[in-house]
């Protein structure tokens, strides 16, 4: 399986690029930067990203 870019994750999960980036920056996120520096692109494996999304949503369930 291949790590996806922010744009690819956005398409796959029907979320905006900004939402994906904010999730990537969240503590504990499985996303990682390719390279060094602020301009390096975020990458993430979609299966790990989906699991992380489910974990985040559990925090907000009543």
PDB file of N, CA and C in Angstrom:
ATOM      1  N   UNK A   1       0.839  -1.182   0.000  1.00  0.00           N
ATOM      2  CA  UNK A   1       0.000   0.000   0.000  1.00  0.00           C
ATOM      3  C   UNK A   1       0.885   1.247   0.000  1.00  0.00           C
ATOM      4  N   UNK A   2       0.406   2.264  -0.672  1.00  0.00           N
ATOM      5  CA  UNK A   2       1.186   3.485  -0.849  1.00  0.00           C
ATOM      6  C   UNK A   2       0.626   4.616   0.010  1.00  0.00           C
ATOM      7  N   UNK A   3       1.513   5.434   0.555  1.00  0.00           N
ATOM      8  CA  UNK A   3       1.094   6.615   1.303  1.00  0.00           C
ATOM      9  C   UNK A   3       0.500   7.630   0.333  1.00  0.00           C
ATOM     10  N   UNK A   4      -0.563   8.308   0.771  1.00  0.00           N
ATOM     11  CA  UNK A   4      -1.256   9.267  -0.073  1.00  0.00           C
ATOM     12  C   UNK A   4      -0.922  10.699   0.337  1.00  0.00           C
ATOM     13  N   UNK A   5      -1.028  11.608  -0.621  1.00  0.00           N
ATOM     14  CA  UNK A   5      -0.822  13.028  -0.369  1.00  0.00           C
ATOM     15  C   UNK A   5      -2.090  13.631   0.231  1.00  0.00           C
ATOM     16  N   UNK A   6      -1.997  14.879   0.646  1.00  0.00           N
ATOM     17  CA  UNK A   6      -3.158  15.585   1.193  1.00  0.00           C
ATOM     18  C   UNK A   6      -4.301  15.620   0.169  1.00  0.00           C
ATOM     19  N   UNK A   7      -3.979  15.915  -1.082  1.00  0.00           N
ATOM     20  CA  UNK A   7      -5.015  15.957  -2.126  1.00  0.00           C
ATOM     21  C   UNK A   7      -5.684  14.601  -2.310  1.00  0.00           C
ATOM     22  N   UNK A   8      -4.892  13.541  -2.316  1.00  0.00           N
ATOM     23  CA  UNK A   8      -5.447  12.200  -2.490  1.00  0.00           C
ATOM     24  C   UNK A   8      -6.304  11.803  -1.290  1.00  0.00           C
ATOM     25  N   UNK A   9      -5.847  12.138  -0.076  1.00  0.00           N
ATOM     26  CA  UNK A   9      -6.639  11.857   1.123  1.00  0.00           C
ATOM     27  C   UNK A   9      -7.938  12.654   1.099  1.00  0.00           C
ATOM     28  N   UNK A  10      -7.865  13.882   0.633  1.00  0.00           N
ATOM     29  CA  UNK A  10      -9.037  14.743   0.528  1.00  0.00           C
ATOM     30  C   UNK A  10     -10.086  14.109  -0.386  1.00  0.00           C
ATOM     31  N   UNK A  11      -9.655  13.608  -1.518  1.00  0.00           N
ATOM     32  CA  UNK A  11     -10.575  12.938  -2.453  1.00  0.00           C
ATOM     33  C   UNK A  11     -11.137  11.654  -1.861  1.00  0.00           C
ATOM     34  N   UNK A  12     -10.277  10.856  -1.265  1.00  0.00           N
ATOM     35  CA  UNK A  12     -10.692   9.548  -0.737  1.00  0.00           C
ATOM     36  C   UNK A  12     -11.694   9.673   0.406  1.00  0.00           C
ATOM     37  N   UNK A  13     -11.488  10.658   1.282  1.00  0.00           N
ATOM     38  CA  UNK A  13     -12.334  10.789   2.470  1.00  0.00           C
ATOM     39  C   UNK A  13     -13.370  11.911   2.356  1.00  0.00           C
ATOM     40  N   UNK A  14     -13.468  12.516   1.189  1.00  0.00           N
ATOM     41  CA  UNK A  14     -14.439  13.590   0.931  1.00  0.00           C
ATOM     42  C   UNK A  14     -14.361  14.690   1.987  1.00  0.00           C
ATOM     43  N   UNK A  15     -13.158  15.154   2.206  1.00  0.00           N
ATOM     44  CA  UNK A  15     -12.897  16.227   3.159  1.00  0.00           C
ATOM     45  C   UNK A  15     -12.075  17.293   2.451  1.00  0.00           C
ATOM     46  N   UNK A  16     -12.102  18.514   2.984  1.00  0.00           N
ATOM     47  CA  UNK A  16     -11.312  19.587   2.379  1.00  0.00           C
ATOM     48  C   UNK A  16      -9.827  19.372   2.674  1.00  0.00           C
ATOM     49  N   UNK A  17      -9.004  20.000   1.849  1.00  0.00           N
ATOM     50  CA  UNK A  17      -7.555  19.930   2.060  1.00  0.00           C
ATOM     51  C   UNK A  17      -7.191  20.480   3.441  1.00  0.00           C
ATOM     52  N   UNK A  18      -7.832  21.584   3.822  1.00  0.00           N
ATOM     53  CA  UNK A  18      -7.527  22.204   5.113  1.00  0.00           C
ATOM     54  C   UNK A  18      -7.867  21.269   6.273  1.00  0.00           C
ATOM     55  N   UNK A  19      -8.988  20.548   6.168  1.00  0.00           N
ATOM     56  CA  UNK A  19      -9.348  19.587   7.215  1.00  0.00           C
ATOM     57  C   UNK A  19      -8.295  18.492   7.313  1.00  0.00           C
ATOM     58  N   UNK A  20      -7.858  17.988   6.173  1.00  0.00           N
ATOM     59  CA  UNK A  20      -6.850  16.923   6.155  1.00  0.00           C
ATOM     60  C   UNK A  20      -5.554  17.425   6.796  1.00  0.00           C
ATOM     61  N   UNK A  21      -5.133  18.637   6.448  1.00  0.00           N
ATOM     62  CA  UNK A  21      -3.892  19.188   6.993  1.00  0.00           C
ATOM     63  C   UNK A  21      -3.991  19.346   8.501  1.00  0.00           C
ATOM     64  N   UNK A  22      -5.125  19.833   8.996  1.00  0.00           N
ATOM     65  CA  UNK A  22      -5.305  19.994  10.441  1.00  0.00           C
ATOM     66  C   UNK A  22      -5.239  18.640  11.151  1.00  0.00           C
ATOM     67  N   UNK A  23      -5.824  17.621  10.557  1.00  0.00           N
ATOM     68  CA  UNK A  23      -5.774  16.279  11.140  1.00  0.00           C
ATOM     69  C   UNK A  23      -4.338  15.750  11.119  1.00  0.00           C
ATOM     70  N   UNK A  24      -3.615  16.013  10.040  1.00  0.00           N
ATOM     71  CA  UNK A  24      -2.215  15.590   9.950  1.00  0.00           C
ATOM     72  C   UNK A  24      -1.373  16.227  11.053  1.00  0.00           C
ATOM     73  N   UNK A  25      -1.700  17.450  11.435  1.00  0.00           N
ATOM     74  CA  UNK A  25      -0.949  18.174  12.467  1.00  0.00           C
ATOM     75  C   UNK A  25      -1.344  17.752  13.882  1.00  0.00           C
ATOM     76  N   UNK A  26      -2.441  17.013  14.006  1.00  0.00           N
ATOM     77  CA  UNK A  26      -2.944  16.611  15.318  1.00  0.00           C
ATOM     78  C   UNK A  26      -1.978  15.634  15.994  1.00  0.00           C
ATOM     79  N   UNK A  27      -1.793  15.827  17.287  1.00  0.00           N
ATOM     80  CA  UNK A  27      -0.918  14.941  18.058  1.00  0.00           C
ATOM     81  C   UNK A  27      -1.397  13.499  17.934  1.00  0.00           C
ATOM     82  N   UNK A  28      -0.481  12.599  17.645  1.00  0.00           N
ATOM     83  CA  UNK A  28      -0.807  11.186  17.520  1.00  0.00           C
ATOM     84  C   UNK A  28      -1.188  10.763  16.115  1.00  0.00           C
ATOM     85  N   UNK A  29      -1.255  11.713  15.210  1.00  0.00           N
ATOM     86  CA  UNK A  29      -1.622  11.418  13.827  1.00  0.00           C
ATOM     87  C   UNK A  29      -0.583  10.495  13.180  1.00  0.00           C
ATOM     88  N   UNK A  30      -1.043   9.570  12.332  1.00  0.00           N
ATOM     89  CA  UNK A  30      -0.104   8.688  11.633  1.00  0.00           C
ATOM     90  C   UNK A  30       0.550   9.362  10.424  1.00  0.00           C
ATOM     91  N   UNK A  31       0.178  10.603  10.140  1.00  0.00           N
ATOM     92  CA  UNK A  31       0.739  11.320   8.992  1.00  0.00           C
ATOM     93  C   UNK A  31       2.193  11.711   9.267  1.00  0.00           C
ATOM     94  N   UNK A  32       2.930  11.847   8.195  1.00  0.00           N
ATOM     95  CA  UNK A  32       4.336  12.208   8.312  1.00  0.00           C
ATOM     96  C   UNK A  32       4.723  13.120   7.160  1.00  0.00           C
ATOM     97  N   UNK A  33       5.777  13.869   7.374  1.00  0.00           N
ATOM     98  CA  UNK A  33       6.276  14.773   6.341  1.00  0.00           C
ATOM     99  C   UNK A  33       7.321  14.059   5.492  1.00  0.00           C
ATOM    100  N   UNK A  34       7.232  14.280   4.185  1.00  0.00           N
ATOM    101  CA  UNK A  34       8.234  13.740   3.275  1.00  0.00           C
ATOM    102  C   UNK A  34       9.315  14.804   3.135  1.00  0.00           C
ATOM    103  N   UNK A  35      10.415  14.609   3.807  1.00  0.00           N
ATOM    104  CA  UNK A  35      11.491  15.588   3.767  1.00  0.00           C
ATOM    105  C   UNK A  35      11.520  16.429   5.026  1.00  0.00           C
ATOM    106  N   UNK A  36      12.236  17.538   4.946  1.00  0.00           N
ATOM    107  CA  UNK A  36      12.427  18.406   6.102  1.00  0.00           C
ATOM    108  C   UNK A  36      11.947  19.817   5.739  1.00  0.00           C
ATOM    109  N   UNK A  37      11.333  20.474   6.675  1.00  0.00           N
ATOM    110  CA  UNK A  37      10.941  21.860   6.464  1.00  0.00           C
ATOM    111  C   UNK A  37       9.441  22.046   6.330  1.00  0.00           C
ATOM    112  N   UNK A  38       9.037  23.303   6.379  1.00  0.00           N
ATOM    113  CA  UNK A  38       7.615  23.645   6.351  1.00  0.00           C
ATOM    114  C   UNK A  38       6.955  23.329   5.022  1.00  0.00           C
ATOM    115  N   UNK A  39       7.709  23.335   3.945  1.00  0.00           N
ATOM    116  CA  UNK A  39       7.119  23.116   2.623  1.00  0.00           C
ATOM    117  C   UNK A  39       7.061  21.640   2.232  1.00  0.00           C
ATOM    118  N   UNK A  40       7.579  20.762   3.070  1.00  0.00           N
ATOM    119  CA  UNK A  40       7.533  19.331   2.773  1.00  0.00           C
ATOM    120  C   UNK A  40       6.090  18.845   2.806  1.00  0.00           C
ATOM    121  N   UNK A  41       5.709  18.002   1.857  1.00  0.00           N
ATOM    122  CA  UNK A  41       4.314  17.546   1.807  1.00  0.00           C
ATOM    123  C   UNK A  41       3.998  16.505   2.882  1.00  0.00           C
ATOM    124  N   UNK A  42       2.746  16.548   3.368  1.00  0.00           N
ATOM    125  CA  UNK A  42       2.254  15.537   4.293  1.00  0.00           C
ATOM    126  C   UNK A  42       1.895  14.286   3.509  1.00  0.00           C
ATOM    127  N   UNK A  43       2.172  13.125   4.089  1.00  0.00           N
ATOM    128  CA  UNK A  43       1.793  11.836   3.521  1.00  0.00           C
ATOM    129  C   UNK A  43       1.193  10.983   4.629  1.00  0.00           C
ATOM    130  N   UNK A  44       0.304  10.070   4.250  1.00  0.00           N
ATOM    131  CA  UNK A  44      -0.274   9.164   5.233  1.00  0.00           C
ATOM    132  C   UNK A  44      -0.842   7.938   4.525  1.00  0.00           C
ATOM    133  N   UNK A  45      -0.740   6.802   5.185  1.00  0.00           N
ATOM    134  CA  UNK A  45      -1.344   5.586   4.655  1.00  0.00           C
ATOM    135  C   UNK A  45      -2.848   5.646   4.940  1.00  0.00           C
ATOM    136  N   UNK A  46      -3.688   5.420   3.930  1.00  0.00           N
ATOM    137  CA  UNK A  46      -5.130   5.615   4.100  1.00  0.00           C
ATOM    138  C   UNK A  46      -5.759   4.745   5.185  1.00  0.00           C
ATOM    139  N   UNK A  47      -5.282   3.513   5.364  1.00  0.00           N
ATOM    140  CA  UNK A  47      -5.871   2.653   6.398  1.00  0.00           C
ATOM    141  C   UNK A  47      -5.575   3.194   7.796  1.00  0.00           C
ATOM    142  N   UNK A  48      -4.366   3.686   8.004  1.00  0.00           N
ATOM    143  CA  UNK A  48      -4.005   4.268   9.304  1.00  0.00           C
ATOM    144  C   UNK A  48      -4.740   5.583   9.535  1.00  0.00           C
ATOM    145  N   UNK A  49      -4.923   6.356   8.465  1.00  0.00           N
ATOM    146  CA  UNK A  49      -5.643   7.619   8.564  1.00  0.00           C
ATOM    147  C   UNK A  49      -7.096   7.369   8.967  1.00  0.00           C
ATOM    148  N   UNK A  50      -7.708   6.365   8.368  1.00  0.00           N
ATOM    149  CA  UNK A  50      -9.107   6.035   8.683  1.00  0.00           C
ATOM    150  C   UNK A  50      -9.261   5.610  10.146  1.00  0.00           C
ATOM    151  N   UNK A  51      -8.335   4.809  10.627  1.00  0.00           N
ATOM    152  CA  UNK A  51      -8.363   4.382  12.039  1.00  0.00           C
ATOM    153  C   UNK A  51      -8.222   5.596  12.947  1.00  0.00           C
ATOM    154  N   UNK A  52      -7.330   6.515  12.592  1.00  0.00           N
ATOM    155  CA  UNK A  52      -7.131   7.724  13.399  1.00  0.00           C
ATOM    156  C   UNK A  52      -8.389   8.591  13.406  1.00  0.00           C
ATOM    157  N   UNK A  53      -9.050   8.704  12.256  1.00  0.00           N
ATOM    158  CA  UNK A  53     -10.306   9.463  12.189  1.00  0.00           C
ATOM    159  C   UNK A  53     -11.355   8.871  13.127  1.00  0.00           C
ATOM    160  N   UNK A  54     -11.453   7.557  13.151  1.00  0.00           N
ATOM    161  CA  UNK A  54     -12.419   6.892  14.032  1.00  0.00           C
ATOM    162  C   UNK A  54     -12.082   7.163  15.494  1.00  0.00           C
ATOM    163  N   UNK A  55     -10.799   7.142  15.831  1.00  0.00           N
ATOM    164  CA  UNK A  55     -10.385   7.437  17.204  1.00  0.00           C
ATOM    165  C   UNK A  55     -10.729   8.871  17.586  1.00  0.00           C
ATOM    166  N   UNK A  56     -10.520   9.798  16.674  1.00  0.00           N
ATOM    167  CA  UNK A  56     -10.863  11.190  16.934  1.00  0.00           C
ATOM    168  C   UNK A  56     -12.364  11.364  17.141  1.00  0.00           C
ATOM    169  N   UNK A  57     -13.147  10.692  16.320  1.00  0.00           N
ATOM    170  CA  UNK A  57     -14.599  10.835  16.429  1.00  0.00           C
ATOM    171  C   UNK A  57     -15.138  10.239  17.728  1.00  0.00           C
ATOM    172  N   UNK A  58     -14.479   9.238  18.267  1.00  0.00           N
ATOM    173  CA  UNK A  58     -14.913   8.632  19.542  1.00  0.00           C
ATOM    174  C   UNK A  58     -14.859   9.646  20.679  1.00  0.00           C
ATOM    175  N   UNK A  59     -13.920  10.575  20.616  1.00  0.00           N
ATOM    176  CA  UNK A  59     -13.772  11.585  21.660  1.00  0.00           C
ATOM    177  C   UNK A  59     -14.981  12.509  21.738  1.00  0.00           C
ATOM    178  N   UNK A  60     -15.676  12.667  20.596  1.00  0.00           N
ATOM    179  CA  UNK A  60     -16.766  13.625  20.545  1.00  0.00           C
ATOM    180  C   UNK A  60     -18.144  12.992  20.623  1.00  0.00           C
ATOM    181  N   UNK A  61     -18.205  11.687  20.776  1.00  0.00           N
ATOM    182  CA  UNK A  61     -19.508  11.017  20.923  1.00  0.00           C
ATOM    183  C   UNK A  61     -19.980  11.149  22.353  1.00  0.00           C
ATOM    184  N   UNK A  62     -21.259  11.324  22.506  1.00  0.00           N
ATOM    185  CA  UNK A  62     -21.826  11.516  23.826  1.00  0.00           C
ATOM    186  C   UNK A  62     -22.034  10.289  24.535  1.00  0.00           C
TER     187      UNK A  62
END
